[in-house]
């Protein structure tokens, strides 16, 4: 495998291919379970909306019993894959998302406009799962002097004393904030359908607030992207490149707010948000801290500098791991 594709290509946590396979498949199964439970809960409202009336339960393609069995199996297999193939903390986050989506967000749609914030939490958890999976892999690559493999707990993965989880929380914040300009614009275009279906969305309950909140969270993209560079998840150039994309969505959000969704502003913001997220994430990957330095060294054959950086990275990881556990510095790398 080329050295630039290895998980050690930068100092920022990365995943091995096998763990990535368990993570993606387990997450997909957990999402499938949550979606199936969601459809079981609201087939009547789904039948009243153009974007959901073709779902399998509405059309009678799947029985309610069959959907329930699928939801249980998918949730069990998904969380099991995350537990045994990644780590227990990631599995707990996946199970939490199923509960949030099917048990809180879905019934809350008929009760309060706060359902949008609950749904945003659901969208924010998957990137945190990915970061935690990578952090768990890094932590489990060390053995103590007695040869046992240390199994990090959720506190050490989500709230480590050295603050190394900040990247995961920033990515979660990015996904949380992004969902408001995206969904608020989407829901505005079908606000009458939401109202007819009895689902309380800001788009028809409080249209001005709906537009204002979309604008507010579009603004939050700037400090979040700055934080990714400040905490050395990406290089400093990411502030400039992400700023261009963030400005585009902000301009569309401002038009959406000024026109309260009219004159095509809702559609403009929706499509800006559709393109915004993948572009930002691709830029973050392409400008990952230290990535291009390692690529350059690999091309010119600067093995001395690369080995020196790897020794420094290993030293920082070992010191952090020993500090978290209150152990001495007698930890050795198994790889």
Protein backbone atom coordinates (compact mmCIF):
# COMPACT_ATOMS: atom_id res chain seq x y z
CA UNK A 1 0.00 0.00 0.00
CA UNK A 2 1.38 3.48 -0.85
CA UNK A 3 2.65 5.25 2.25
CA UNK A 4 0.43 8.29 1.69
CA UNK A 5 -2.68 6.08 2.05
CA UNK A 6 -1.69 4.61 5.39
CA UNK A 7 -3.46 5.69 8.56
CA UNK A 8 -0.16 7.13 9.75
CA UNK A 9 0.05 9.57 6.83
CA UNK A 10 -0.67 12.50 9.16
CA UNK A 11 -0.75 13.17 12.89
CA UNK A 12 -4.57 13.44 12.80
CA UNK A 13 -6.31 10.12 13.68
CA UNK A 14 -7.17 7.92 10.68
CA UNK A 15 -8.81 4.52 10.27
CA UNK A 16 -7.53 1.20 9.01
CA UNK A 17 -9.51 -0.24 6.04
CA UNK A 18 -10.99 -3.07 8.14
CA UNK A 19 -12.25 -0.81 10.92
CA UNK A 20 -13.57 1.60 8.28
CA UNK A 21 -15.55 -1.28 6.77
CA UNK A 22 -17.12 -2.17 10.11
CA UNK A 23 -17.81 1.51 10.82
CA UNK A 24 -19.53 2.29 7.53
CA UNK A 25 -21.55 -0.94 7.37
CA UNK A 26 -22.55 -0.73 11.03
CA UNK A 27 -23.57 2.92 10.69
CA UNK A 28 -25.57 2.18 7.53
CA UNK A 29 -27.45 -0.63 9.29
CA UNK A 30 -28.18 1.58 12.30
CA UNK A 31 -29.51 4.30 9.98
CA UNK A 32 -31.67 1.72 8.20
CA UNK A 33 -33.12 0.62 11.52
CA UNK A 34 -33.93 4.20 12.53
CA UNK A 35 -35.54 4.96 9.17
CA UNK A 36 -37.66 1.81 9.28
CA UNK A 37 -38.91 2.68 12.77
CA UNK A 38 -39.66 6.22 11.57
CA UNK A 39 -41.79 4.89 8.70
CA UNK A 40 -43.61 2.55 11.07
CA UNK A 41 -44.56 5.49 13.27
CA UNK A 42 -45.98 7.86 10.66
CA UNK A 43 -47.39 6.12 7.54
CA UNK A 44 -50.48 8.38 7.64
CA UNK A 45 -48.51 11.63 7.48
CA UNK A 46 -46.14 10.12 4.90
CA UNK A 47 -49.13 9.43 2.64
CA UNK A 48 -50.07 13.14 2.68
CA UNK A 49 -46.69 14.42 1.49
CA UNK A 50 -45.24 14.29 -2.03
CA UNK A 51 -41.70 13.54 -0.82
CA UNK A 52 -42.76 10.53 1.28
CA UNK A 53 -45.89 9.08 -0.33
CA UNK A 54 -43.86 6.54 -2.32
CA UNK A 55 -42.29 4.92 0.73
CA UNK A 56 -42.71 1.12 0.93
CA UNK A 57 -45.13 1.07 3.87
CA UNK A 58 -47.35 3.74 2.33
CA UNK A 59 -47.58 1.80 -0.95
CA UNK A 60 -48.14 -1.50 0.84
CA UNK A 61 -44.98 -3.07 -0.56
CA UNK A 62 -43.88 -4.14 2.92
CA UNK A 63 -46.03 -5.21 5.85
CA UNK A 64 -45.78 -3.50 9.22
CA UNK A 65 -44.57 -6.74 10.77
CA UNK A 66 -41.92 -7.15 8.09
CA UNK A 67 -40.73 -3.57 8.62
CA UNK A 68 -40.49 -4.10 12.37
CA UNK A 69 -38.47 -7.32 11.95
CA UNK A 70 -36.15 -5.53 9.53
CA UNK A 71 -35.70 -2.61 11.95
CA UNK A 72 -34.80 -4.92 14.83
CA UNK A 73 -32.40 -7.02 12.76
CA UNK A 74 -30.71 -4.02 11.16
CA UNK A 75 -30.32 -2.28 14.51
CA UNK A 76 -28.93 -5.40 16.18
CA UNK A 77 -26.49 -6.18 13.37
CA UNK A 78 -25.46 -2.55 13.03
CA UNK A 79 -24.76 -1.96 16.71
CA UNK A 80 -23.12 -5.39 16.94
CA UNK A 81 -20.77 -4.55 14.06
CA UNK A 82 -19.86 -1.27 15.70
CA UNK A 83 -19.32 -2.94 19.08
CA UNK A 84 -17.16 -5.87 17.96
CA UNK A 85 -15.59 -4.32 14.87
CA UNK A 86 -14.88 -0.79 16.13
CA UNK A 87 -15.33 -0.13 19.86
CA UNK A 88 -18.13 0.00 22.48
CA UNK A 89 -18.23 3.81 22.54
CA UNK A 90 -19.01 4.02 18.83
CA UNK A 91 -21.67 1.32 19.25
CA UNK A 92 -23.26 3.32 22.08
CA UNK A 93 -23.33 6.43 19.88
CA UNK A 94 -24.96 4.44 17.08
CA UNK A 95 -27.63 3.05 19.41
CA UNK A 96 -28.20 6.54 20.84
CA UNK A 97 -28.85 7.84 17.34
CA UNK A 98 -31.49 5.18 16.71
CA UNK A 99 -33.24 6.19 19.93
CA UNK A 100 -32.93 9.91 19.16
CA UNK A 101 -34.30 9.58 15.64
CA UNK A 102 -37.05 7.02 16.15
CA UNK A 103 -37.92 7.69 19.79
CA UNK A 104 -37.56 11.47 20.12
CA UNK A 105 -37.32 13.28 16.78
CA UNK A 106 -40.10 11.37 15.01
CA UNK A 107 -42.87 11.75 17.65
CA UNK A 108 -41.72 15.31 18.44
CA UNK A 109 -42.59 16.41 14.90
CA UNK A 110 -46.28 16.39 15.85
CA UNK A 111 -45.72 18.28 19.10
CA UNK A 112 -43.15 21.04 18.75
CA UNK A 113 -40.90 22.92 16.31
CA UNK A 114 -38.02 21.80 18.54
CA UNK A 115 -38.05 18.61 16.49
CA UNK A 116 -35.63 20.31 14.07
CA UNK A 117 -33.01 20.67 16.82
CA UNK A 118 -33.49 17.02 17.79
CA UNK A 119 -33.03 16.02 14.16
CA UNK A 120 -29.88 18.15 13.95
CA UNK A 121 -28.42 16.21 16.88
CA UNK A 122 -29.04 12.99 14.98
CA UNK A 123 -27.08 14.34 12.03
CA UNK A 124 -24.24 15.57 14.25
CA UNK A 125 -23.45 12.21 15.85
CA UNK A 126 -22.09 10.22 12.83
CA UNK A 127 -18.95 12.37 12.34
CA UNK A 128 -18.28 12.06 16.06
CA UNK A 129 -18.57 8.29 15.65
CA UNK A 130 -15.94 8.37 12.91
CA UNK A 131 -13.53 10.43 14.99
CA UNK A 132 -14.05 8.20 18.02
CA UNK A 133 -13.41 5.11 15.91
CA UNK A 134 -10.07 6.53 14.75
CA UNK A 135 -9.14 7.62 18.26
CA UNK A 136 -9.99 4.16 19.60
CA UNK A 137 -7.75 2.54 16.99
CA UNK A 138 -4.85 4.79 17.96
CA UNK A 139 -5.37 4.10 21.65
CA UNK A 140 -5.63 0.32 21.23
CA UNK A 141 -2.34 0.16 19.31
CA UNK A 142 -0.41 0.37 22.56
CA UNK A 143 0.33 -2.39 25.03
CA UNK A 144 1.34 -2.05 28.62
CA UNK A 145 4.48 -3.76 29.93
CA UNK A 146 2.51 -6.87 30.91
CA UNK A 147 1.42 -7.34 27.27
CA UNK A 148 -2.30 -6.56 27.71
CA UNK A 149 -4.12 -4.26 25.30
CA UNK A 150 -5.61 -1.21 26.95
CA UNK A 151 -9.30 -0.71 26.20
CA UNK A 152 -10.13 3.02 26.34
CA UNK A 153 -13.44 4.02 27.88
CA UNK A 154 -15.93 6.56 26.55
CA UNK A 155 -14.54 9.34 28.73
CA UNK A 156 -11.06 8.89 27.27
CA UNK A 157 -12.37 8.83 23.69
CA UNK A 158 -14.93 11.64 23.90
CA UNK A 159 -13.45 13.82 26.66
CA UNK A 160 -9.69 13.09 26.89
CA UNK A 161 -7.63 15.22 29.23
CA UNK A 162 -5.36 16.34 26.39
CA UNK A 163 -8.30 17.73 24.39
CA UNK A 164 -7.50 15.54 21.38
CA UNK A 165 -11.21 14.91 20.67
CA UNK A 166 -11.83 18.55 19.71
CA UNK A 167 -11.72 17.65 16.02
CA UNK A 168 -14.61 15.22 16.38
CA UNK A 169 -16.71 17.75 18.27
CA UNK A 170 -15.99 20.44 15.66
CA UNK A 171 -17.09 18.11 12.86
CA UNK A 172 -20.24 17.31 14.85
CA UNK A 173 -20.87 21.05 15.25
CA UNK A 174 -20.41 21.52 11.51
CA UNK A 175 -23.06 18.90 10.71
CA UNK A 176 -25.39 20.26 13.41
CA UNK A 177 -25.24 23.83 12.10
CA UNK A 178 -25.44 22.84 8.43
CA UNK A 179 -28.80 21.13 8.86
CA UNK A 180 -30.65 24.38 9.61
CA UNK A 181 -30.02 26.23 6.33
CA UNK A 182 -30.49 22.93 4.49
CA UNK A 183 -33.71 21.73 6.11
CA UNK A 184 -35.28 25.15 6.71
CA UNK A 185 -34.97 25.92 3.00
CA UNK A 186 -36.28 22.47 2.04
CA UNK A 187 -39.24 22.60 4.41
CA UNK A 188 -40.23 26.08 3.19
CA UNK A 189 -40.93 24.77 -0.30
CA UNK A 190 -43.36 22.13 1.03
CA UNK A 191 -44.60 23.97 4.15
CA UNK A 192 -48.26 23.50 3.19
CA UNK A 193 -47.77 19.74 3.00
CA UNK A 194 -46.17 19.68 6.45
CA UNK A 195 -49.13 21.65 7.79
CA UNK A 196 -51.67 19.33 6.16
CA UNK A 197 -49.83 16.32 7.59
CA UNK A 198 -49.94 17.79 11.10
CA UNK A 199 -46.16 18.11 11.44
CA UNK A 200 -45.06 21.23 13.28
CA UNK A 201 -42.26 22.81 11.29
CA UNK A 202 -40.99 26.36 11.59
CA UNK A 203 -41.58 26.84 7.87
CA UNK A 204 -45.35 27.23 8.46
CA UNK A 205 -45.56 27.86 12.21
CA UNK A 206 -43.13 30.82 12.15
CA UNK A 207 -41.79 31.57 8.63
CA UNK A 208 -39.73 34.60 9.67
CA UNK A 209 -38.06 32.69 12.48
CA UNK A 210 -37.44 29.82 10.06
CA UNK A 211 -35.48 32.14 7.74
CA UNK A 212 -33.68 33.91 10.60
CA UNK A 213 -32.47 30.63 12.11
CA UNK A 214 -31.18 29.46 8.71
CA UNK A 215 -29.16 32.68 8.44
CA UNK A 216 -27.86 32.40 12.01
CA UNK A 217 -26.52 28.88 11.59
CA UNK A 218 -24.99 29.76 8.23
CA UNK A 219 -22.90 32.34 10.10
CA UNK A 220 -21.73 29.66 12.55
CA UNK A 221 -19.90 27.90 9.70
CA UNK A 222 -17.12 30.49 9.80
CA UNK A 223 -15.99 30.01 13.43
CA UNK A 224 -16.38 26.23 13.16
CA UNK A 225 -14.08 26.07 10.11
CA UNK A 226 -11.66 28.45 11.82
CA UNK A 227 -11.61 26.09 14.79
CA UNK A 228 -10.62 23.17 12.57
CA UNK A 229 -7.50 25.09 11.53
CA UNK A 230 -6.82 26.58 14.95
CA UNK A 231 -6.80 23.16 16.61
CA UNK A 232 -4.60 21.76 13.81
CA UNK A 233 -7.12 19.41 12.24
CA UNK A 234 -6.62 21.20 8.92
CA UNK A 235 -3.92 23.58 7.75
CA UNK A 236 -4.39 27.35 7.87
CA UNK A 237 -5.23 27.53 4.17
CA UNK A 238 -8.54 25.82 4.96
CA UNK A 239 -9.81 29.06 6.49
CA UNK A 240 -9.54 30.76 3.09
CA UNK A 241 -10.90 27.93 0.94
CA UNK A 242 -13.78 27.11 3.28
CA UNK A 243 -14.50 30.83 3.60
CA UNK A 244 -15.36 31.03 -0.10
CA UNK A 245 -17.90 28.20 0.17
CA UNK A 246 -19.28 29.47 3.48
CA UNK A 247 -19.74 32.94 2.00
CA UNK A 248 -21.72 31.48 -0.90
CA UNK A 249 -24.15 29.75 1.47
CA UNK A 250 -24.31 32.82 3.71
CA UNK A 251 -25.31 35.04 0.77
CA UNK A 252 -28.07 32.60 -0.16
CA UNK A 253 -29.19 32.43 3.49
CA UNK A 254 -29.31 36.24 3.64
CA UNK A 255 -31.53 36.32 0.52
CA UNK A 256 -33.71 33.61 2.07
CA UNK A 257 -34.09 35.75 5.20
CA UNK A 258 -34.74 39.02 3.35
CA UNK A 259 -37.39 37.45 1.13
CA UNK A 260 -38.75 34.99 3.72
CA UNK A 261 -38.23 32.19 1.25
CA UNK A 262 -39.94 33.95 -1.66
CA UNK A 263 -38.71 34.74 -5.19
CA UNK A 264 -36.77 31.48 -5.46
CA UNK A 265 -34.60 32.21 -2.43
CA UNK A 266 -35.57 28.95 -0.69
CA UNK A 267 -34.51 26.89 -3.69
CA UNK A 268 -31.28 28.89 -3.97
CA UNK A 269 -30.35 28.22 -0.35
CA UNK A 270 -31.32 24.57 -0.59
CA UNK A 271 -29.01 23.89 -3.53
CA UNK A 272 -26.23 25.94 -1.99
CA UNK A 273 -26.46 23.74 1.12
CA UNK A 274 -26.51 20.55 -0.98
CA UNK A 275 -23.17 21.50 -2.55
CA UNK A 276 -21.75 23.19 0.54
CA UNK A 277 -21.30 20.15 2.78
CA UNK A 278 -19.45 17.79 0.41
CA UNK A 279 -17.19 20.62 -0.78
CA UNK A 280 -16.28 21.60 2.78
CA UNK A 281 -15.55 18.00 3.79
CA UNK A 282 -13.46 17.34 0.68
CA UNK A 283 -11.50 20.53 1.33
CA UNK A 284 -10.94 19.47 4.95
CA UNK A 285 -9.61 16.09 3.80
CA UNK A 286 -7.41 17.64 1.12
CA UNK A 287 -6.05 20.18 3.61
CA UNK A 288 -5.65 17.79 6.52
CA UNK A 289 -2.89 18.98 8.81
CA UNK A 290 0.49 17.62 7.71
CA UNK A 291 -0.89 15.69 4.71
CA UNK A 292 0.97 17.56 1.98
CA UNK A 293 4.20 17.65 4.00
CA UNK A 294 4.14 13.86 4.21
CA UNK A 295 3.26 13.51 0.53
CA UNK A 296 6.14 15.80 -0.42
CA UNK A 297 8.58 13.90 1.76
CA UNK A 298 7.38 10.63 0.27
CA UNK A 299 7.96 11.97 -3.25
CA UNK A 300 11.42 13.41 -2.63
CA UNK A 301 12.50 10.56 -0.35
CA UNK A 302 13.11 12.61 2.80
CA UNK A 303 12.99 9.58 5.06
CA UNK A 304 15.03 11.20 7.78
CA UNK A 305 12.56 14.00 8.33
CA UNK A 306 9.63 11.61 8.07
CA UNK A 307 11.07 9.19 10.60
CA UNK A 308 11.77 12.08 12.93
CA UNK A 309 8.15 13.26 12.72
CA UNK A 310 6.87 9.72 13.28
CA UNK A 311 9.00 9.46 16.41
CA UNK A 312 7.59 12.76 17.66
CA UNK A 313 4.01 11.63 16.90
CA UNK A 314 4.58 8.31 18.67
CA UNK A 315 6.04 10.13 21.66
CA UNK A 316 3.07 12.48 21.92
CA UNK A 317 0.59 9.58 21.63
CA UNK A 318 2.38 7.55 24.29
CA UNK A 319 2.64 10.45 26.70
CA UNK A 320 -1.05 11.31 26.27
CA UNK A 321 -2.09 7.67 26.73
CA UNK A 322 0.02 7.27 29.85
CA UNK A 323 -1.29 10.54 31.30
CA UNK A 324 -4.94 9.57 30.76
CA UNK A 325 -4.47 6.30 32.59
CA UNK A 326 -2.27 7.71 35.33
CA UNK A 327 0.41 5.22 34.38
CA UNK A 328 4.16 5.64 34.09
CA UNK A 329 5.80 6.18 30.74
CA UNK A 330 6.48 2.44 30.38
CA UNK A 331 4.24 2.00 27.35
CA UNK A 332 5.60 0.52 24.15
CA UNK A 333 4.21 0.61 20.63
CA UNK A 334 3.24 -2.80 19.27
CA UNK A 335 3.57 -1.74 15.69
